[in-house]
Amino acid sequence: FGFELITIPMTDSGPDMDAVEEAVKDPAVKGIW
């Protein structure tokens, strides 16, 4: 669908949530797998 894909590093407990919480401050970020 032409979305810009942003890599979030995986950690031993799941996605790097510091990176996720920072990324979702951008209103263009619409979701996460």
PDB file of all heavy atoms in Angstrom:
ATOM      1  N   PHE A   1       0.813  -1.213   0.000  1.00  0.00           N
ATOM      2  CA  PHE A   1       0.000   0.000   0.000  1.00  0.00           C
ATOM      3  C   PHE A   1       0.848   1.264   0.000  1.00  0.00           C
ATOM      4  O   PHE A   1       0.317   2.373   0.136  1.00  0.00           O
ATOM      5  CB  PHE A   1      -0.939  -0.013   1.210  1.00  0.00           C
ATOM      6  CG  PHE A   1      -2.090  -0.967   1.052  1.00  0.00           C
ATOM      7  CD1 PHE A   1      -1.989  -2.273   1.507  1.00  0.00           C
ATOM      8  CD2 PHE A   1      -3.256  -0.580   0.413  1.00  0.00           C
ATOM      9  CE1 PHE A   1      -3.032  -3.168   1.352  1.00  0.00           C
ATOM     10  CE2 PHE A   1      -4.306  -1.461   0.242  1.00  0.00           C
ATOM     11  CZ  PHE A   1      -4.202  -2.771   0.710  1.00  0.00           C
ATOM     12  N   GLY A   2       2.149   1.111  -0.146  1.00  0.00           N
ATOM     13  CA  GLY A   2       3.024   2.268  -0.250  1.00  0.00           C
ATOM     14  C   GLY A   2       3.398   2.900   1.064  1.00  0.00           C
ATOM     15  O   GLY A   2       3.901   4.031   1.088  1.00  0.00           O
ATOM     16  N   PHE A   3       3.163   2.204   2.175  1.00  0.00           N
ATOM     17  CA  PHE A   3       3.520   2.766   3.479  1.00  0.00           C
ATOM     18  C   PHE A   3       5.043   2.795   3.626  1.00  0.00           C
ATOM     19  O   PHE A   3       5.756   1.948   3.076  1.00  0.00           O
ATOM     20  CB  PHE A   3       2.943   1.929   4.618  1.00  0.00           C
ATOM     21  CG  PHE A   3       1.445   1.824   4.638  1.00  0.00           C
ATOM     22  CD1 PHE A   3       0.815   0.991   5.550  1.00  0.00           C
ATOM     23  CD2 PHE A   3       0.640   2.545   3.751  1.00  0.00           C
ATOM     24  CE1 PHE A   3      -0.562   0.866   5.588  1.00  0.00           C
ATOM     25  CE2 PHE A   3      -0.743   2.433   3.774  1.00  0.00           C
ATOM     26  CZ  PHE A   3      -1.344   1.576   4.691  1.00  0.00           C
ATOM     27  N   GLU A   4       5.522   3.738   4.399  1.00  0.00           N
ATOM     28  CA  GLU A   4       6.941   3.776   4.744  1.00  0.00           C
ATOM     29  C   GLU A   4       7.157   2.855   5.949  1.00  0.00           C
ATOM     30  O   GLU A   4       6.583   3.065   7.011  1.00  0.00           O
ATOM     31  CB  GLU A   4       7.374   5.195   5.101  1.00  0.00           C
ATOM     32  CG  GLU A   4       8.831   5.297   5.513  1.00  0.00           C
ATOM     33  CD  GLU A   4       9.225   6.695   5.952  1.00  0.00           C
ATOM     34  OE1 GLU A   4       8.608   7.673   5.464  1.00  0.00           O
ATOM     35  OE2 GLU A   4      10.136   6.816   6.797  1.00  0.00           O
ATOM     36  N   LEU A   5       7.979   1.839   5.766  1.00  0.00           N
ATOM     37  CA  LEU A   5       8.202   0.848   6.816  1.00  0.00           C
ATOM     38  C   LEU A   5       9.379   1.256   7.693  1.00  0.00           C
ATOM     39  O   LEU A   5      10.462   1.566   7.191  1.00  0.00           O
ATOM     40  CB  LEU A   5       8.450  -0.534   6.205  1.00  0.00           C
ATOM     41  CG  LEU A   5       7.404  -1.029   5.191  1.00  0.00           C
ATOM     42  CD1 LEU A   5       7.698  -2.475   4.807  1.00  0.00           C
ATOM     43  CD2 LEU A   5       5.986  -0.895   5.742  1.00  0.00           C
ATOM     44  N   ILE A   6       9.150   1.249   8.993  1.00  0.00           N
ATOM     45  CA  ILE A   6      10.165   1.664   9.959  1.00  0.00           C
ATOM     46  C   ILE A   6      10.552   0.467  10.816  1.00  0.00           C
ATOM     47  O   ILE A   6       9.708  -0.147  11.466  1.00  0.00           O
ATOM     48  CB  ILE A   6       9.641   2.800  10.858  1.00  0.00           C
ATOM     49  CG1 ILE A   6       9.261   4.021   9.996  1.00  0.00           C
ATOM     50  CG2 ILE A   6      10.664   3.184  11.922  1.00  0.00           C
ATOM     51  CD1 ILE A   6       8.545   5.115  10.776  1.00  0.00           C
ATOM     52  N   THR A   7      11.831   0.137  10.814  1.00  0.00           N
ATOM     53  CA  THR A   7      12.315  -0.993  11.594  1.00  0.00           C
ATOM     54  C   THR A   7      12.365  -0.644  13.075  1.00  0.00           C
ATOM     55  O   THR A   7      12.901   0.390  13.468  1.00  0.00           O
ATOM     56  CB  THR A   7      13.719  -1.413  11.124  1.00  0.00           C
ATOM     57  OG1 THR A   7      13.657  -1.829   9.757  1.00  0.00           O
ATOM     58  CG2 THR A   7      14.265  -2.552  11.974  1.00  0.00           C
ATOM     59  N   ILE A   8      11.778  -1.533  13.886  1.00  0.00           N
ATOM     60  CA  ILE A   8      11.859  -1.438  15.344  1.00  0.00           C
ATOM     61  C   ILE A   8      12.652  -2.644  15.825  1.00  0.00           C
ATOM     62  O   ILE A   8      12.274  -3.786  15.534  1.00  0.00           O
ATOM     63  CB  ILE A   8      10.461  -1.445  15.993  1.00  0.00           C
ATOM     64  CG1 ILE A   8       9.643  -0.235  15.540  1.00  0.00           C
ATOM     65  CG2 ILE A   8      10.573  -1.486  17.517  1.00  0.00           C
ATOM     66  CD1 ILE A   8      10.160   1.102  16.027  1.00  0.00           C
ATOM     67  N   PRO A   9      13.745  -2.447  16.551  1.00  0.00           N
ATOM     68  CA  PRO A   9      14.542  -3.598  17.000  1.00  0.00           C
ATOM     69  C   PRO A   9      13.754  -4.484  17.958  1.00  0.00           C
ATOM     70  O   PRO A   9      12.955  -4.004  18.759  1.00  0.00           O
ATOM     71  CB  PRO A   9      15.734  -2.951  17.722  1.00  0.00           C
ATOM     72  CG  PRO A   9      15.766  -1.533  17.253  1.00  0.00           C
ATOM     73  CD  PRO A   9      14.351  -1.163  16.953  1.00  0.00           C
ATOM     74  N   MET A  10      14.004  -5.784  17.870  1.00  0.00           N
ATOM     75  CA  MET A  10      13.439  -6.739  18.827  1.00  0.00           C
ATOM     76  C   MET A  10      14.398  -6.900  19.997  1.00  0.00           C
ATOM     77  O   MET A  10      15.619  -6.873  19.827  1.00  0.00           O
ATOM     78  CB  MET A  10      13.199  -8.089  18.169  1.00  0.00           C
ATOM     79  CG  MET A  10      11.975  -8.131  17.277  1.00  0.00           C
ATOM     80  SD  MET A  10      10.408  -8.026  18.199  1.00  0.00           S
ATOM     81  CE  MET A  10      10.326  -9.638  18.956  1.00  0.00           C
ATOM     82  N   THR A  11      13.841  -7.074  21.195  1.00  0.00           N
ATOM     83  CA  THR A  11      14.617  -7.359  22.382  1.00  0.00           C
ATOM     84  C   THR A  11      14.172  -8.700  22.939  1.00  0.00           C
ATOM     85  O   THR A  11      13.261  -9.340  22.396  1.00  0.00           O
ATOM     86  CB  THR A  11      14.424  -6.268  23.452  1.00  0.00           C
ATOM     87  OG1 THR A  11      13.107  -6.426  24.040  1.00  0.00           O
ATOM     88  CG2 THR A  11      14.528  -4.873  22.856  1.00  0.00           C
ATOM     89  N   ASP A  12      14.758  -9.129  24.042  1.00  0.00           N
ATOM     90  CA  ASP A  12      14.379 -10.400  24.651  1.00  0.00           C
ATOM     91  C   ASP A  12      12.954 -10.376  25.198  1.00  0.00           C
ATOM     92  O   ASP A  12      12.380 -11.439  25.474  1.00  0.00           O
ATOM     93  CB  ASP A  12      15.335 -10.753  25.786  1.00  0.00           C
ATOM     94  CG  ASP A  12      16.714 -11.133  25.283  1.00  0.00           C
ATOM     95  OD1 ASP A  12      16.831 -11.471  24.087  1.00  0.00           O
ATOM     96  OD2 ASP A  12      17.678 -11.089  26.072  1.00  0.00           O
ATOM     97  N   SER A  13      12.355  -9.199  25.360  1.00  0.00           N
ATOM     98  CA  SER A  13      11.001  -9.085  25.912  1.00  0.00           C
ATOM     99  C   SER A  13       9.992  -8.575  24.885  1.00  0.00           C
ATOM    100  O   SER A  13       8.865  -8.248  25.235  1.00  0.00           O
ATOM    101  CB  SER A  13      11.006  -8.168  27.132  1.00  0.00           C
ATOM    102  OG  SER A  13      11.522  -6.898  26.799  1.00  0.00           O
ATOM    103  N   GLY A  14      10.396  -8.523  23.612  1.00  0.00           N
ATOM    104  CA  GLY A  14       9.498  -8.039  22.570  1.00  0.00           C
ATOM    105  C   GLY A  14      10.081  -6.828  21.870  1.00  0.00           C
ATOM    106  O   GLY A  14      11.288  -6.548  21.980  1.00  0.00           O
ATOM    107  N   PRO A  15       9.259  -6.077  21.124  1.00  0.00           N
ATOM    108  CA  PRO A  15       9.765  -4.881  20.450  1.00  0.00           C
ATOM    109  C   PRO A  15      10.355  -3.895  21.445  1.00  0.00           C
ATOM    110  O   PRO A  15       9.933  -3.813  22.594  1.00  0.00           O
ATOM    111  CB  PRO A  15       8.511  -4.309  19.771  1.00  0.00           C
ATOM    112  CG  PRO A  15       7.566  -5.453  19.664  1.00  0.00           C
ATOM    113  CD  PRO A  15       7.828  -6.314  20.858  1.00  0.00           C
ATOM    114  N   ASP A  16      11.340  -3.130  20.991  1.00  0.00           N
ATOM    115  CA  ASP A  16      11.936  -2.072  21.818  1.00  0.00           C
ATOM    116  C   ASP A  16      10.856  -1.013  22.071  1.00  0.00           C
ATOM    117  O   ASP A  16      10.562  -0.189  21.211  1.00  0.00           O
ATOM    118  CB  ASP A  16      13.128  -1.466  21.080  1.00  0.00           C
ATOM    119  CG  ASP A  16      13.838  -0.375  21.865  1.00  0.00           C
ATOM    120  OD1 ASP A  16      13.220   0.215  22.785  1.00  0.00           O
ATOM    121  OD2 ASP A  16      15.004  -0.085  21.558  1.00  0.00           O
ATOM    122  N   MET A  17      10.260  -1.043  23.252  1.00  0.00           N
ATOM    123  CA  MET A  17       9.115  -0.176  23.520  1.00  0.00           C
ATOM    124  C   MET A  17       9.507   1.292  23.658  1.00  0.00           C
ATOM    125  O   MET A  17       8.683   2.180  23.427  1.00  0.00           O
ATOM    126  CB  MET A  17       8.371  -0.648  24.759  1.00  0.00           C
ATOM    127  CG  MET A  17       7.654  -1.993  24.558  1.00  0.00           C
ATOM    128  SD  MET A  17       6.576  -2.043  23.092  1.00  0.00           S
ATOM    129  CE  MET A  17       5.328  -0.824  23.536  1.00  0.00           C
ATOM    130  N   ASP A  18      10.749   1.574  24.011  1.00  0.00           N
ATOM    131  CA  ASP A  18      11.204   2.971  23.997  1.00  0.00           C
ATOM    132  C   ASP A  18      11.121   3.514  22.572  1.00  0.00           C
ATOM    133  O   ASP A  18      10.660   4.647  22.351  1.00  0.00           O
ATOM    134  CB  ASP A  18      12.642   3.074  24.511  1.00  0.00           C
ATOM    135  CG  ASP A  18      12.763   2.826  26.004  1.00  0.00           C
ATOM    136  OD1 ASP A  18      11.730   2.905  26.711  1.00  0.00           O
ATOM    137  OD2 ASP A  18      13.886   2.559  26.474  1.00  0.00           O
ATOM    138  N   ALA A  19      11.559   2.705  21.608  1.00  0.00           N
ATOM    139  CA  ALA A  19      11.506   3.118  20.200  1.00  0.00           C
ATOM    140  C   ALA A  19      10.070   3.240  19.719  1.00  0.00           C
ATOM    141  O   ALA A  19       9.724   4.162  18.967  1.00  0.00           O
ATOM    142  CB  ALA A  19      12.276   2.125  19.334  1.00  0.00           C
ATOM    143  N   VAL A  20       9.204   2.300  20.139  1.00  0.00           N
ATOM    144  CA  VAL A  20       7.795   2.354  19.744  1.00  0.00           C
ATOM    145  C   VAL A  20       7.133   3.607  20.297  1.00  0.00           C
ATOM    146  O   VAL A  20       6.441   4.343  19.572  1.00  0.00           O
ATOM    147  CB  VAL A  20       7.049   1.088  20.228  1.00  0.00           C
ATOM    148  CG1 VAL A  20       5.537   1.233  19.995  1.00  0.00           C
ATOM    149  CG2 VAL A  20       7.567  -0.151  19.509  1.00  0.00           C
ATOM    150  N   GLU A  21       7.326   3.871  21.583  1.00  0.00           N
ATOM    151  CA  GLU A  21       6.686   5.029  22.225  1.00  0.00           C
ATOM    152  C   GLU A  21       7.159   6.334  21.613  1.00  0.00           C
ATOM    153  O   GLU A  21       6.380   7.298  21.505  1.00  0.00           O
ATOM    154  CB  GLU A  21       6.970   4.993  23.735  1.00  0.00           C
ATOM    155  CG  GLU A  21       6.207   3.885  24.444  1.00  0.00           C
ATOM    156  CD  GLU A  21       6.730   3.573  25.830  1.00  0.00           C
ATOM    157  OE1 GLU A  21       7.782   4.142  26.218  1.00  0.00           O
ATOM    158  OE2 GLU A  21       6.109   2.754  26.536  1.00  0.00           O
ATOM    159  N   GLU A  22       8.414   6.379  21.180  1.00  0.00           N
ATOM    160  CA  GLU A  22       8.925   7.584  20.518  1.00  0.00           C
ATOM    161  C   GLU A  22       8.333   7.711  19.114  1.00  0.00           C
ATOM    162  O   GLU A  22       7.922   8.803  18.690  1.00  0.00           O
ATOM    163  CB  GLU A  22      10.452   7.528  20.437  1.00  0.00           C
ATOM    164  CG  GLU A  22      11.106   8.761  19.817  1.00  0.00           C
ATOM    165  CD  GLU A  22      10.845  10.043  20.601  1.00  0.00           C
ATOM    166  OE1 GLU A  22      10.687   9.977  21.840  1.00  0.00           O
ATOM    167  OE2 GLU A  22      10.804  11.130  19.965  1.00  0.00           O
ATOM    168  N   ALA A  23       8.248   6.590  18.394  1.00  0.00           N
ATOM    169  CA  ALA A  23       7.777   6.619  17.010  1.00  0.00           C
ATOM    170  C   ALA A  23       6.320   7.046  16.903  1.00  0.00           C
ATOM    171  O   ALA A  23       5.944   7.757  15.957  1.00  0.00           O
ATOM    172  CB  ALA A  23       7.971   5.252  16.366  1.00  0.00           C
ATOM    173  N   VAL A  24       5.467   6.619  17.841  1.00  0.00           N
ATOM    174  CA  VAL A  24       4.032   6.910  17.723  1.00  0.00           C
ATOM    175  C   VAL A  24       3.702   8.374  18.031  1.00  0.00           C
ATOM    176  O   VAL A  24       2.547   8.781  17.899  1.00  0.00           O
ATOM    177  CB  VAL A  24       3.185   5.978  18.610  1.00  0.00           C
ATOM    178  CG1 VAL A  24       3.389   4.527  18.211  1.00  0.00           C
ATOM    179  CG2 VAL A  24       3.460   6.195  20.090  1.00  0.00           C
ATOM    180  N   LYS A  25       4.703   9.161  18.391  1.00  0.00           N
ATOM    181  CA  LYS A  25       4.476  10.599  18.548  1.00  0.00           C
ATOM    182  C   LYS A  25       4.255  11.266  17.190  1.00  0.00           C
ATOM    183  O   LYS A  25       3.730  12.381  17.117  1.00  0.00           O
ATOM    184  CB  LYS A  25       5.666  11.240  19.260  1.00  0.00           C
ATOM    185  CG  LYS A  25       5.855  10.797  20.711  1.00  0.00           C
ATOM    186  CD  LYS A  25       7.110  11.417  21.322  1.00  0.00           C
ATOM    187  CE  LYS A  25       7.326  10.944  22.751  1.00  0.00           C
ATOM    188  NZ  LYS A  25       8.582  11.489  23.335  1.00  0.00           N
ATOM    189  N   ASP A  26       4.661  10.578  16.132  1.00  0.00           N
ATOM    190  CA  ASP A  26       4.479  11.070  14.761  1.00  0.00           C
ATOM    191  C   ASP A  26       3.075  10.684  14.297  1.00  0.00           C
ATOM    192  O   ASP A  26       2.744   9.498  14.217  1.00  0.00           O
ATOM    193  CB  ASP A  26       5.538  10.432  13.864  1.00  0.00           C
ATOM    194  CG  ASP A  26       5.467  10.902  12.421  1.00  0.00           C
ATOM    195  OD1 ASP A  26       4.491  11.584  12.047  1.00  0.00           O
ATOM    196  OD2 ASP A  26       6.390  10.566  11.653  1.00  0.00           O
ATOM    197  N   PRO A  27       2.207  11.646  13.958  1.00  0.00           N
ATOM    198  CA  PRO A  27       0.832  11.315  13.534  1.00  0.00           C
ATOM    199  C   PRO A  27       0.761  10.525  12.237  1.00  0.00           C
ATOM    200  O   PRO A  27      -0.274   9.937  11.927  1.00  0.00           O
ATOM    201  CB  PRO A  27       0.172  12.688  13.376  1.00  0.00           C
ATOM    202  CG  PRO A  27       1.297  13.656  13.223  1.00  0.00           C
ATOM    203  CD  PRO A  27       2.441  13.104  14.006  1.00  0.00           C
ATOM    204  N   ALA A  28       1.858  10.485  11.485  1.00  0.00           N
ATOM    205  CA  ALA A  28       1.877   9.691  10.253  1.00  0.00           C
ATOM    206  C   ALA A  28       2.035   8.200  10.539  1.00  0.00           C
ATOM    207  O   ALA A  28       1.764   7.368   9.667  1.00  0.00           O
ATOM    208  CB  ALA A  28       2.997  10.161   9.332  1.00  0.00           C
ATOM    209  N   VAL A  29       2.469   7.859  11.760  1.00  0.00           N
ATOM    210  CA  VAL A  29       2.626   6.449  12.124  1.00  0.00           C
ATOM    211  C   VAL A  29       1.250   5.892  12.477  1.00  0.00           C
ATOM    212  O   VAL A  29       0.633   6.292  13.464  1.00  0.00           O
ATOM    213  CB  VAL A  29       3.599   6.282  13.306  1.00  0.00           C
ATOM    214  CG1 VAL A  29       3.614   4.835  13.793  1.00  0.00           C
ATOM    215  CG2 VAL A  29       5.004   6.708  12.893  1.00  0.00           C
ATOM    216  N   LYS A  30       0.778   4.950  11.654  1.00  0.00           N
ATOM    217  CA  LYS A  30      -0.599   4.460  11.781  1.00  0.00           C
ATOM    218  C   LYS A  30      -0.714   3.084  12.421  1.00  0.00           C
ATOM    219  O   LYS A  30      -1.835   2.651  12.726  1.00  0.00           O
ATOM    220  CB  LYS A  30      -1.248   4.409  10.393  1.00  0.00           C
ATOM    221  CG  LYS A  30      -1.433   5.779   9.737  1.00  0.00           C
ATOM    222  CD  LYS A  30      -2.525   6.581  10.438  1.00  0.00           C
ATOM    223  CE  LYS A  30      -2.890   7.814   9.634  1.00  0.00           C
ATOM    224  NZ  LYS A  30      -3.969   8.595  10.298  1.00  0.00           N
ATOM    225  N   GLY A  31       0.399   2.380  12.604  1.00  0.00           N
ATOM    226  CA  GLY A  31       0.243   1.060  13.191  1.00  0.00           C
ATOM    227  C   GLY A  31       1.546   0.316  13.340  1.00  0.00           C
ATOM    228  O   GLY A  31       2.627   0.802  12.997  1.00  0.00           O
ATOM    229  N   ILE A  32       1.424  -0.909  13.856  1.00  0.00           N
ATOM    230  CA  ILE A  32       2.579  -1.761  14.107  1.00  0.00           C
ATOM    231  C   ILE A  32       2.172  -3.224  13.938  1.00  0.00           C
ATOM    232  O   ILE A  32       1.052  -3.617  14.273  1.00  0.00           O
ATOM    233  CB  ILE A  32       3.144  -1.521  15.530  1.00  0.00           C
ATOM    234  CG1 ILE A  32       4.419  -2.350  15.781  1.00  0.00           C
ATOM    235  CG2 ILE A  32       2.096  -1.830  16.615  1.00  0.00           C
ATOM    236  CD1 ILE A  32       5.141  -1.987  17.066  1.00  0.00           C
ATOM    237  N   TRP A  33       3.077  -4.013  13.385  1.00  0.00           N
ATOM    238  CA  TRP A  33       2.900  -5.460  13.309  1.00  0.00           C
ATOM    239  C   TRP A  33       3.433  -6.099  14.591  1.00  0.00           C
ATOM    240  O   TRP A  33       4.492  -5.703  15.083  1.00  0.00           O
ATOM    241  CB  TRP A  33       3.659  -6.055  12.129  1.00  0.00           C
ATOM    242  CG  TRP A  33       3.120  -5.712  10.772  1.00  0.00           C
ATOM    243  CD1 TRP A  33       3.714  -4.946   9.815  1.00  0.00           C
ATOM    244  CD2 TRP A  33       1.874  -6.152  10.215  1.00  0.00           C
ATOM    245  NE1 TRP A  33       2.920  -4.877   8.701  1.00  0.00           N
ATOM    246  CE2 TRP A  33       1.784  -5.609   8.912  1.00  0.00           C
ATOM    247  CE3 TRP A  33       0.824  -6.940  10.692  1.00  0.00           C
ATOM    248  CZ2 TRP A  33       0.698  -5.834   8.077  1.00  0.00           C
ATOM    249  CZ3 TRP A  33      -0.260  -7.164   9.862  1.00  0.00           C
ATOM    250  CH2 TRP A  33      -0.323  -6.621   8.572  1.00  0.00           C
TER     251      TRP A  33
END
